[in-house]
């Protein structure tokens, strides 16, 4: 007889506790199958990846609409036993009222946390002003609190990802998001130890999420020593899967070779893993 699955409240409580001490990895699946496999490896929480999910739908990152993202969140939450953090992009809203409304909808899916980024998606002005971005975080905080249940709000400063690698502006933004109610702070794109340590020190005691989505010599022990509380990988696992698929497919198409299957998982192993789940 299967054990009963944890409730949404239990997942949210467990997720908050993970942020209180030490350093944990929150990997990013792109569909139910990859989520279940990550759960089986013992990861205590997972986070969605907007890019990985978009590619699985034949779309570019940022082009999946609100309805598609909500359905994706609802499915992952329903099929897994660990807390799910939502990559909720910029809240799918033009203003703070839209952000609040959409965050309320996300809370109904049962996610244990979600992130709101300060990117606009417009190349000519890629970041919201700090005041506008802060108001959007405040609106998300209010929507989460009204929904109840204690979901974690992550405030994201996208400076390093949009060609504005200014550590001082990044820290100023994260401080503002922290004051507006963000529980965890995140500046994707940080790669230098000095920058990571500076963000950790400036935002203490709030937990910091570090993105490690590239080949690096970093280890969990090393980033933990810098004070990082959680580590995510963004679309890197999805890109790894796509890399293997593209390599094997190109060998067939361009050279008529099938040795790209050399590292493929066994069908029997996959069937055995997913049987009864």
C-alpha atoms as a PDB file:
ATOM      1  CA  UNK A   1       0.000   0.000   0.000  1.00  0.00           C
ATOM      2  CA  UNK A   2       1.391   3.377  -1.031  1.00  0.00           C
ATOM      3  CA  UNK A   3       2.085   5.964   1.623  1.00  0.00           C
ATOM      4  CA  UNK A   4      -0.084   9.060   1.440  1.00  0.00           C
ATOM      5  CA  UNK A   5       1.522  11.989  -0.310  1.00  0.00           C
ATOM      6  CA  UNK A   6       2.444  15.088   1.687  1.00  0.00           C
ATOM      7  CA  UNK A   7      -0.076  17.904   1.646  1.00  0.00           C
ATOM      8  CA  UNK A   8       0.574  21.272   0.042  1.00  0.00           C
ATOM      9  CA  UNK A   9       0.942  22.789   3.512  1.00  0.00           C
ATOM     10  CA  UNK A  10       3.490  20.146   4.470  1.00  0.00           C
ATOM     11  CA  UNK A  11       5.482  20.743   1.288  1.00  0.00           C
ATOM     12  CA  UNK A  12       5.538  24.486   1.880  1.00  0.00           C
ATOM     13  CA  UNK A  13       6.611  24.062   5.484  1.00  0.00           C
ATOM     14  CA  UNK A  14       9.372  21.661   4.459  1.00  0.00           C
ATOM     15  CA  UNK A  15      10.529  24.067   1.751  1.00  0.00           C
ATOM     16  CA  UNK A  16      10.840  26.936   4.195  1.00  0.00           C
ATOM     17  CA  UNK A  17      12.887  24.778   6.547  1.00  0.00           C
ATOM     18  CA  UNK A  18      15.328  23.946   3.762  1.00  0.00           C
ATOM     19  CA  UNK A  19      16.222  27.644   3.532  1.00  0.00           C
ATOM     20  CA  UNK A  20      17.015  28.020   7.222  1.00  0.00           C
ATOM     21  CA  UNK A  21      20.482  26.463   7.318  1.00  0.00           C
ATOM     22  CA  UNK A  22      23.184  24.727   5.295  1.00  0.00           C
ATOM     23  CA  UNK A  23      23.138  24.591   1.487  1.00  0.00           C
ATOM     24  CA  UNK A  24      20.860  22.489  -0.705  1.00  0.00           C
ATOM     25  CA  UNK A  25      20.552  21.862  -4.440  1.00  0.00           C
ATOM     26  CA  UNK A  26      17.216  22.497  -6.115  1.00  0.00           C
ATOM     27  CA  UNK A  27      17.573  21.006  -9.635  1.00  0.00           C
ATOM     28  CA  UNK A  28      15.342  22.003 -12.526  1.00  0.00           C
ATOM     29  CA  UNK A  29      13.301  19.354 -14.376  1.00  0.00           C
ATOM     30  CA  UNK A  30      11.427  20.248 -17.545  1.00  0.00           C
ATOM     31  CA  UNK A  31       8.635  17.640 -17.438  1.00  0.00           C
ATOM     32  CA  UNK A  32       7.060  15.052 -15.151  1.00  0.00           C
ATOM     33  CA  UNK A  33       9.493  12.280 -16.084  1.00  0.00           C
ATOM     34  CA  UNK A  34      12.587  14.323 -15.325  1.00  0.00           C
ATOM     35  CA  UNK A  35      10.968  15.582 -12.110  1.00  0.00           C
ATOM     36  CA  UNK A  36      10.273  12.053 -10.893  1.00  0.00           C
ATOM     37  CA  UNK A  37      13.817  10.970 -11.642  1.00  0.00           C
ATOM     38  CA  UNK A  38      15.301  13.895  -9.731  1.00  0.00           C
ATOM     39  CA  UNK A  39      12.994  13.125  -6.818  1.00  0.00           C
ATOM     40  CA  UNK A  40      14.218   9.514  -6.848  1.00  0.00           C
ATOM     41  CA  UNK A  41      17.811  10.695  -6.418  1.00  0.00           C
ATOM     42  CA  UNK A  42      16.904  12.212  -3.080  1.00  0.00           C
ATOM     43  CA  UNK A  43      16.706  15.902  -3.907  1.00  0.00           C
ATOM     44  CA  UNK A  44      14.516  17.582  -1.296  1.00  0.00           C
ATOM     45  CA  UNK A  45      12.913  20.080  -3.692  1.00  0.00           C
ATOM     46  CA  UNK A  46      12.763  20.861  -7.396  1.00  0.00           C
ATOM     47  CA  UNK A  47      12.289  24.039  -9.407  1.00  0.00           C
ATOM     48  CA  UNK A  48      10.782  24.538 -12.827  1.00  0.00           C
ATOM     49  CA  UNK A  49      12.806  25.995 -15.679  1.00  0.00           C
ATOM     50  CA  UNK A  50      11.006  28.329 -18.036  1.00  0.00           C
ATOM     51  CA  UNK A  51      13.521  27.603 -20.792  1.00  0.00           C
ATOM     52  CA  UNK A  52      13.523  23.820 -20.395  1.00  0.00           C
ATOM     53  CA  UNK A  53       9.741  23.663 -20.386  1.00  0.00           C
ATOM     54  CA  UNK A  54       9.466  26.022 -23.365  1.00  0.00           C
ATOM     55  CA  UNK A  55      11.856  23.873 -25.436  1.00  0.00           C
ATOM     56  CA  UNK A  56       9.822  20.774 -24.596  1.00  0.00           C
ATOM     57  CA  UNK A  57       6.831  22.555 -26.114  1.00  0.00           C
ATOM     58  CA  UNK A  58       8.700  23.592 -29.258  1.00  0.00           C
ATOM     59  CA  UNK A  59       8.921  27.195 -28.147  1.00  0.00           C
ATOM     60  CA  UNK A  60      11.639  29.675 -27.201  1.00  0.00           C
ATOM     61  CA  UNK A  61      12.220  30.667 -23.597  1.00  0.00           C
ATOM     62  CA  UNK A  62       9.796  33.360 -22.511  1.00  0.00           C
ATOM     63  CA  UNK A  63       7.158  32.494 -25.103  1.00  0.00           C
ATOM     64  CA  UNK A  64       5.026  30.116 -23.019  1.00  0.00           C
ATOM     65  CA  UNK A  65       1.995  32.005 -21.821  1.00  0.00           C
ATOM     66  CA  UNK A  66       0.473  32.150 -18.369  1.00  0.00           C
ATOM     67  CA  UNK A  67      -2.096  29.398 -18.978  1.00  0.00           C
ATOM     68  CA  UNK A  68       0.538  26.979 -20.237  1.00  0.00           C
ATOM     69  CA  UNK A  69       2.804  27.707 -17.292  1.00  0.00           C
ATOM     70  CA  UNK A  70       0.007  27.257 -14.744  1.00  0.00           C
ATOM     71  CA  UNK A  71      -0.921  23.897 -16.261  1.00  0.00           C
ATOM     72  CA  UNK A  72       2.734  22.833 -16.129  1.00  0.00           C
ATOM     73  CA  UNK A  73       3.003  23.830 -12.452  1.00  0.00           C
ATOM     74  CA  UNK A  74      -0.205  22.058 -11.536  1.00  0.00           C
ATOM     75  CA  UNK A  75       0.952  18.850 -13.218  1.00  0.00           C
ATOM     76  CA  UNK A  76       4.384  18.834 -11.558  1.00  0.00           C
ATOM     77  CA  UNK A  77       2.916  19.507  -8.115  1.00  0.00           C
ATOM     78  CA  UNK A  78       0.312  16.761  -8.543  1.00  0.00           C
ATOM     79  CA  UNK A  79       2.808  14.134  -9.710  1.00  0.00           C
ATOM     80  CA  UNK A  80       5.640  14.723  -7.214  1.00  0.00           C
ATOM     81  CA  UNK A  81       6.071  14.478  -3.465  1.00  0.00           C
ATOM     82  CA  UNK A  82       8.680  17.196  -2.984  1.00  0.00           C
ATOM     83  CA  UNK A  83       8.192  20.978  -2.894  1.00  0.00           C
ATOM     84  CA  UNK A  84       8.100  22.675  -6.298  1.00  0.00           C
ATOM     85  CA  UNK A  85       9.468  26.169  -6.796  1.00  0.00           C
ATOM     86  CA  UNK A  86       8.072  27.962  -9.855  1.00  0.00           C
ATOM     87  CA  UNK A  87      10.212  29.891 -12.294  1.00  0.00           C
ATOM     88  CA  UNK A  88       7.408  32.409 -12.734  1.00  0.00           C
ATOM     89  CA  UNK A  89       9.432  34.669 -15.023  1.00  0.00           C
ATOM     90  CA  UNK A  90       8.389  38.312 -14.522  1.00  0.00           C
ATOM     91  CA  UNK A  91       4.933  37.433 -13.265  1.00  0.00           C
ATOM     92  CA  UNK A  92       3.367  37.429 -16.749  1.00  0.00           C
ATOM     93  CA  UNK A  93       2.013  40.898 -16.062  1.00  0.00           C
ATOM     94  CA  UNK A  94       2.566  44.411 -17.347  1.00  0.00           C
ATOM     95  CA  UNK A  95       1.958  46.007 -13.971  1.00  0.00           C
ATOM     96  CA  UNK A  96       1.883  45.119 -10.302  1.00  0.00           C
ATOM     97  CA  UNK A  97      -1.863  44.403 -10.279  1.00  0.00           C
ATOM     98  CA  UNK A  98      -1.397  41.807 -13.009  1.00  0.00           C
ATOM     99  CA  UNK A  99       1.525  40.303 -11.102  1.00  0.00           C
ATOM    100  CA  UNK A 100      -0.598  40.004  -7.953  1.00  0.00           C
ATOM    101  CA  UNK A 101      -3.453  38.375  -9.863  1.00  0.00           C
ATOM    102  CA  UNK A 102      -1.177  35.906 -11.598  1.00  0.00           C
ATOM    103  CA  UNK A 103       0.745  34.995  -8.452  1.00  0.00           C
ATOM    104  CA  UNK A 104      -2.585  34.239  -6.782  1.00  0.00           C
ATOM    105  CA  UNK A 105      -3.327  31.827  -9.639  1.00  0.00           C
ATOM    106  CA  UNK A 106       0.089  30.212  -9.208  1.00  0.00           C
ATOM    107  CA  UNK A 107      -0.601  29.668  -5.517  1.00  0.00           C
ATOM    108  CA  UNK A 108      -3.681  27.659  -6.482  1.00  0.00           C
ATOM    109  CA  UNK A 109      -1.444  25.122  -8.272  1.00  0.00           C
ATOM    110  CA  UNK A 110       0.156  24.197  -4.947  1.00  0.00           C
ATOM    111  CA  UNK A 111       3.692  25.406  -5.571  1.00  0.00           C
ATOM    112  CA  UNK A 112       5.833  25.825  -2.479  1.00  0.00           C
ATOM    113  CA  UNK A 113       7.540  28.945  -3.803  1.00  0.00           C
ATOM    114  CA  UNK A 114       7.994  31.103  -6.861  1.00  0.00           C
ATOM    115  CA  UNK A 115      10.421  33.640  -8.256  1.00  0.00           C
ATOM    116  CA  UNK A 116       9.685  37.010  -9.803  1.00  0.00           C
ATOM    117  CA  UNK A 117      12.376  38.554 -11.976  1.00  0.00           C
ATOM    118  CA  UNK A 118      12.927  42.199 -12.845  1.00  0.00           C
ATOM    119  CA  UNK A 119      13.453  41.721 -16.581  1.00  0.00           C
ATOM    120  CA  UNK A 120      11.021  43.307 -19.016  1.00  0.00           C
ATOM    121  CA  UNK A 121      11.678  41.093 -22.036  1.00  0.00           C
ATOM    122  CA  UNK A 122      12.268  44.254 -24.099  1.00  0.00           C
ATOM    123  CA  UNK A 123      15.757  44.583 -25.568  1.00  0.00           C
ATOM    124  CA  UNK A 124      15.848  48.379 -25.496  1.00  0.00           C
ATOM    125  CA  UNK A 125      15.128  48.523 -21.741  1.00  0.00           C
ATOM    126  CA  UNK A 126      15.691  45.030 -20.362  1.00  0.00           C
ATOM    127  CA  UNK A 127      15.151  45.833 -16.687  1.00  0.00           C
ATOM    128  CA  UNK A 128      12.258  47.445 -14.875  1.00  0.00           C
ATOM    129  CA  UNK A 129      13.315  50.464 -12.859  1.00  0.00           C
ATOM    130  CA  UNK A 130      14.156  49.529  -9.301  1.00  0.00           C
ATOM    131  CA  UNK A 131      11.026  51.257  -7.977  1.00  0.00           C
ATOM    132  CA  UNK A 132       8.713  49.473 -10.412  1.00  0.00           C
ATOM    133  CA  UNK A 133      10.450  46.152  -9.846  1.00  0.00           C
ATOM    134  CA  UNK A 134      10.190  46.556  -6.077  1.00  0.00           C
ATOM    135  CA  UNK A 135       6.482  47.308  -6.299  1.00  0.00           C
ATOM    136  CA  UNK A 136       6.043  44.129  -8.328  1.00  0.00           C
ATOM    137  CA  UNK A 137       7.793  42.100  -5.609  1.00  0.00           C
ATOM    138  CA  UNK A 138       5.597  43.772  -2.998  1.00  0.00           C
ATOM    139  CA  UNK A 139       2.491  42.852  -5.003  1.00  0.00           C
ATOM    140  CA  UNK A 140       3.649  39.235  -5.268  1.00  0.00           C
ATOM    141  CA  UNK A 141       4.297  39.137  -1.514  1.00  0.00           C
ATOM    142  CA  UNK A 142       0.805  40.412  -0.798  1.00  0.00           C
ATOM    143  CA  UNK A 143      -0.784  37.837  -3.106  1.00  0.00           C
ATOM    144  CA  UNK A 144       1.138  34.997  -1.448  1.00  0.00           C
ATOM    145  CA  UNK A 145       0.172  36.183   2.015  1.00  0.00           C
ATOM    146  CA  UNK A 146      -3.495  36.496   1.081  1.00  0.00           C
ATOM    147  CA  UNK A 147      -3.412  32.954  -0.314  1.00  0.00           C
ATOM    148  CA  UNK A 148      -1.918  31.682   2.953  1.00  0.00           C
ATOM    149  CA  UNK A 149       0.254  28.625   3.372  1.00  0.00           C
ATOM    150  CA  UNK A 150       3.657  30.270   3.636  1.00  0.00           C
ATOM    151  CA  UNK A 151       5.036  29.869   0.111  1.00  0.00           C
ATOM    152  CA  UNK A 152       8.565  31.200  -0.413  1.00  0.00           C
ATOM    153  CA  UNK A 153       8.980  34.314  -2.563  1.00  0.00           C
ATOM    154  CA  UNK A 154      12.245  34.655  -4.490  1.00  0.00           C
ATOM    155  CA  UNK A 155      13.295  38.079  -5.757  1.00  0.00           C
ATOM    156  CA  UNK A 156      15.486  37.944  -8.867  1.00  0.00           C
ATOM    157  CA  UNK A 157      17.845  40.640 -10.146  1.00  0.00           C
ATOM    158  CA  UNK A 158      18.584  39.850 -13.787  1.00  0.00           C
ATOM    159  CA  UNK A 159      21.372  42.406 -14.268  1.00  0.00           C
ATOM    160  CA  UNK A 160      24.099  39.903 -15.164  1.00  0.00           C
ATOM    161  CA  UNK A 161      21.856  38.074 -17.638  1.00  0.00           C
ATOM    162  CA  UNK A 162      20.835  41.153 -19.645  1.00  0.00           C
ATOM    163  CA  UNK A 163      24.255  42.678 -20.239  1.00  0.00           C
ATOM    164  CA  UNK A 164      24.387  44.869 -17.139  1.00  0.00           C
ATOM    165  CA  UNK A 165      26.942  43.080 -14.905  1.00  0.00           C
ATOM    166  CA  UNK A 166      27.004  45.746 -12.193  1.00  0.00           C
ATOM    167  CA  UNK A 167      27.387  44.132  -8.785  1.00  0.00           C
ATOM    168  CA  UNK A 168      26.495  47.336  -6.924  1.00  0.00           C
ATOM    169  CA  UNK A 169      23.219  47.768  -8.819  1.00  0.00           C
ATOM    170  CA  UNK A 170      22.512  44.067  -8.356  1.00  0.00           C
ATOM    171  CA  UNK A 171      22.949  44.339  -4.597  1.00  0.00           C
ATOM    172  CA  UNK A 172      20.859  47.524  -4.426  1.00  0.00           C
ATOM    173  CA  UNK A 173      18.039  45.789  -6.256  1.00  0.00           C
ATOM    174  CA  UNK A 174      18.205  42.659  -4.110  1.00  0.00           C
ATOM    175  CA  UNK A 175      18.152  44.748  -0.936  1.00  0.00           C
ATOM    176  CA  UNK A 176      15.039  46.533  -2.175  1.00  0.00           C
ATOM    177  CA  UNK A 177      13.361  43.207  -3.024  1.00  0.00           C
ATOM    178  CA  UNK A 178      14.265  41.857   0.406  1.00  0.00           C
ATOM    179  CA  UNK A 179      12.663  44.867   2.097  1.00  0.00           C
ATOM    180  CA  UNK A 180       9.587  44.386  -0.121  1.00  0.00           C
ATOM    181  CA  UNK A 181       9.089  40.870   1.224  1.00  0.00           C
ATOM    182  CA  UNK A 182      11.257  38.476  -0.766  1.00  0.00           C
ATOM    183  CA  UNK A 183      12.288  35.502   1.375  1.00  0.00           C
ATOM    184  CA  UNK A 184      15.181  34.405  -0.840  1.00  0.00           C
ATOM    185  CA  UNK A 185      17.313  36.464  -3.233  1.00  0.00           C
ATOM    186  CA  UNK A 186      18.715  35.427  -6.578  1.00  0.00           C
ATOM    187  CA  UNK A 187      21.059  37.078  -9.082  1.00  0.00           C
ATOM    188  CA  UNK A 188      21.558  34.599 -11.938  1.00  0.00           C
ATOM    189  CA  UNK A 189      24.817  34.978 -13.808  1.00  0.00           C
ATOM    190  CA  UNK A 190      27.194  35.460 -10.882  1.00  0.00           C
ATOM    191  CA  UNK A 191      30.418  33.526 -11.519  1.00  0.00           C
ATOM    192  CA  UNK A 192      33.130  35.221  -9.466  1.00  0.00           C
ATOM    193  CA  UNK A 193      33.683  34.179  -5.868  1.00  0.00           C
ATOM    194  CA  UNK A 194      34.034  37.815  -4.845  1.00  0.00           C
ATOM    195  CA  UNK A 195      30.655  38.758  -6.363  1.00  0.00           C
ATOM    196  CA  UNK A 196      28.920  35.772  -4.791  1.00  0.00           C
ATOM    197  CA  UNK A 197      30.408  36.533  -1.380  1.00  0.00           C
ATOM    198  CA  UNK A 198      29.465  40.205  -1.697  1.00  0.00           C
ATOM    199  CA  UNK A 199      25.818  39.363  -2.407  1.00  0.00           C
ATOM    200  CA  UNK A 200      25.687  36.894   0.492  1.00  0.00           C
ATOM    201  CA  UNK A 201      27.162  39.442   2.906  1.00  0.00           C
ATOM    202  CA  UNK A 202      24.938  42.295   1.738  1.00  0.00           C
ATOM    203  CA  UNK A 203      21.702  40.316   2.065  1.00  0.00           C
ATOM    204  CA  UNK A 204      22.418  38.358   5.235  1.00  0.00           C
ATOM    205  CA  UNK A 205      20.614  36.709   6.909  1.00  0.00           C
ATOM    206  CA  UNK A 206      18.320  36.164   3.910  1.00  0.00           C
ATOM    207  CA  UNK A 207      19.223  33.023   1.900  1.00  0.00           C
ATOM    208  CA  UNK A 208      20.850  33.421  -1.510  1.00  0.00           C
ATOM    209  CA  UNK A 209      20.191  31.198  -4.527  1.00  0.00           C
ATOM    210  CA  UNK A 210      23.145  30.634  -6.869  1.00  0.00           C
ATOM    211  CA  UNK A 211      22.678  29.540 -10.473  1.00  0.00           C
ATOM    212  CA  UNK A 212      25.275  27.036 -11.698  1.00  0.00           C
ATOM    213  CA  UNK A 213      24.292  26.333 -15.276  1.00  0.00           C
ATOM    214  CA  UNK A 214      27.673  25.999 -16.971  1.00  0.00           C
ATOM    215  CA  UNK A 215      30.773  23.811 -16.732  1.00  0.00           C
ATOM    216  CA  UNK A 216      32.596  24.930 -13.604  1.00  0.00           C
ATOM    217  CA  UNK A 217      35.017  23.789 -10.959  1.00  0.00           C
ATOM    218  CA  UNK A 218      32.524  24.842  -8.263  1.00  0.00           C
ATOM    219  CA  UNK A 219      31.468  22.170  -5.785  1.00  0.00           C
ATOM    220  CA  UNK A 220      28.563  22.333  -3.382  1.00  0.00           C
ATOM    221  CA  UNK A 221      31.012  22.459  -0.489  1.00  0.00           C
ATOM    222  CA  UNK A 222      32.795  25.463  -2.015  1.00  0.00           C
ATOM    223  CA  UNK A 223      29.682  27.523  -2.681  1.00  0.00           C
ATOM    224  CA  UNK A 224      28.342  26.607   0.751  1.00  0.00           C
ATOM    225  CA  UNK A 225      31.568  27.969   2.218  1.00  0.00           C
ATOM    226  CA  UNK A 226      30.781  31.273   0.457  1.00  0.00           C
ATOM    227  CA  UNK A 227      27.473  31.365   2.343  1.00  0.00           C
ATOM    228  CA  UNK A 228      25.170  30.298  -0.485  1.00  0.00           C
ATOM    229  CA  UNK A 229      22.039  28.620   0.871  1.00  0.00           C
ATOM    230  CA  UNK A 230      20.613  27.009  -2.269  1.00  0.00           C
ATOM    231  CA  UNK A 231      21.870  26.115  -5.753  1.00  0.00           C
ATOM    232  CA  UNK A 232      19.793  25.742  -8.931  1.00  0.00           C
ATOM    233  CA  UNK A 233      20.853  24.781 -12.448  1.00  0.00           C
ATOM    234  CA  UNK A 234      18.228  26.518 -14.597  1.00  0.00           C
ATOM    235  CA  UNK A 235      17.904  24.987 -18.049  1.00  0.00           C
ATOM    236  CA  UNK A 236      21.276  23.176 -17.857  1.00  0.00           C
ATOM    237  CA  UNK A 237      19.834  19.688 -17.336  1.00  0.00           C
ATOM    238  CA  UNK A 238      17.414  20.224 -20.211  1.00  0.00           C
ATOM    239  CA  UNK A 239      20.276  21.490 -22.370  1.00  0.00           C
ATOM    240  CA  UNK A 240      22.296  18.412 -21.430  1.00  0.00           C
ATOM    241  CA  UNK A 241      19.455  16.153 -22.559  1.00  0.00           C
ATOM    242  CA  UNK A 242      19.028  18.131 -25.771  1.00  0.00           C
ATOM    243  CA  UNK A 243      22.776  17.960 -26.359  1.00  0.00           C
ATOM    244  CA  UNK A 244      22.755  14.158 -26.303  1.00  0.00           C
ATOM    245  CA  UNK A 245      19.672  13.992 -28.520  1.00  0.00           C
ATOM    246  CA  UNK A 246      21.020  16.513 -31.046  1.00  0.00           C
ATOM    247  CA  UNK A 247      24.383  14.762 -31.256  1.00  0.00           C
ATOM    248  CA  UNK A 248      22.824  11.345 -31.908  1.00  0.00           C
ATOM    249  CA  UNK A 249      20.292  12.734 -34.403  1.00  0.00           C
ATOM    250  CA  UNK A 250      22.935  14.665 -36.350  1.00  0.00           C
ATOM    251  CA  UNK A 251      25.145  11.587 -36.629  1.00  0.00           C
ATOM    252  CA  UNK A 252      22.259   9.729 -38.271  1.00  0.00           C
ATOM    253  CA  UNK A 253      21.244  12.611 -40.533  1.00  0.00           C
ATOM    254  CA  UNK A 254      24.717  13.716 -41.592  1.00  0.00           C
ATOM    255  CA  UNK A 255      26.877  10.574 -41.412  1.00  0.00           C
ATOM    256  CA  UNK A 256      24.475   7.652 -41.326  1.00  0.00           C
ATOM    257  CA  UNK A 257      25.946   6.530 -38.014  1.00  0.00           C
ATOM    258  CA  UNK A 258      24.210   5.227 -34.905  1.00  0.00           C
ATOM    259  CA  UNK A 259      27.008   5.382 -32.339  1.00  0.00           C
ATOM    260  CA  UNK A 260      25.375   8.455 -30.790  1.00  0.00           C
ATOM    261  CA  UNK A 261      23.243   5.975 -28.859  1.00  0.00           C
ATOM    262  CA  UNK A 262      26.297   4.771 -26.926  1.00  0.00           C
ATOM    263  CA  UNK A 263      25.370   6.552 -23.681  1.00  0.00           C
ATOM    264  CA  UNK A 264      21.609   6.126 -24.047  1.00  0.00           C
ATOM    265  CA  UNK A 265      19.632   4.908 -21.043  1.00  0.00           C
ATOM    266  CA  UNK A 266      18.230   1.380 -21.219  1.00  0.00           C
ATOM    267  CA  UNK A 267      14.579   1.168 -22.191  1.00  0.00           C
ATOM    268  CA  UNK A 268      14.158  -1.615 -19.652  1.00  0.00           C
ATOM    269  CA  UNK A 269      15.640   0.534 -16.907  1.00  0.00           C
ATOM    270  CA  UNK A 270      13.346   3.420 -17.796  1.00  0.00           C
ATOM    271  CA  UNK A 271      10.257   1.202 -17.890  1.00  0.00           C
ATOM    272  CA  UNK A 272      11.225  -0.308 -14.545  1.00  0.00           C
ATOM    273  CA  UNK A 273      11.714   3.126 -13.034  1.00  0.00           C
ATOM    274  CA  UNK A 274       8.391   4.556 -14.237  1.00  0.00           C
ATOM    275  CA  UNK A 275       6.329   1.407 -13.654  1.00  0.00           C
ATOM    276  CA  UNK A 276       3.552   2.124 -11.173  1.00  0.00           C
ATOM    277  CA  UNK A 277       4.415   5.781 -10.660  1.00  0.00           C
END
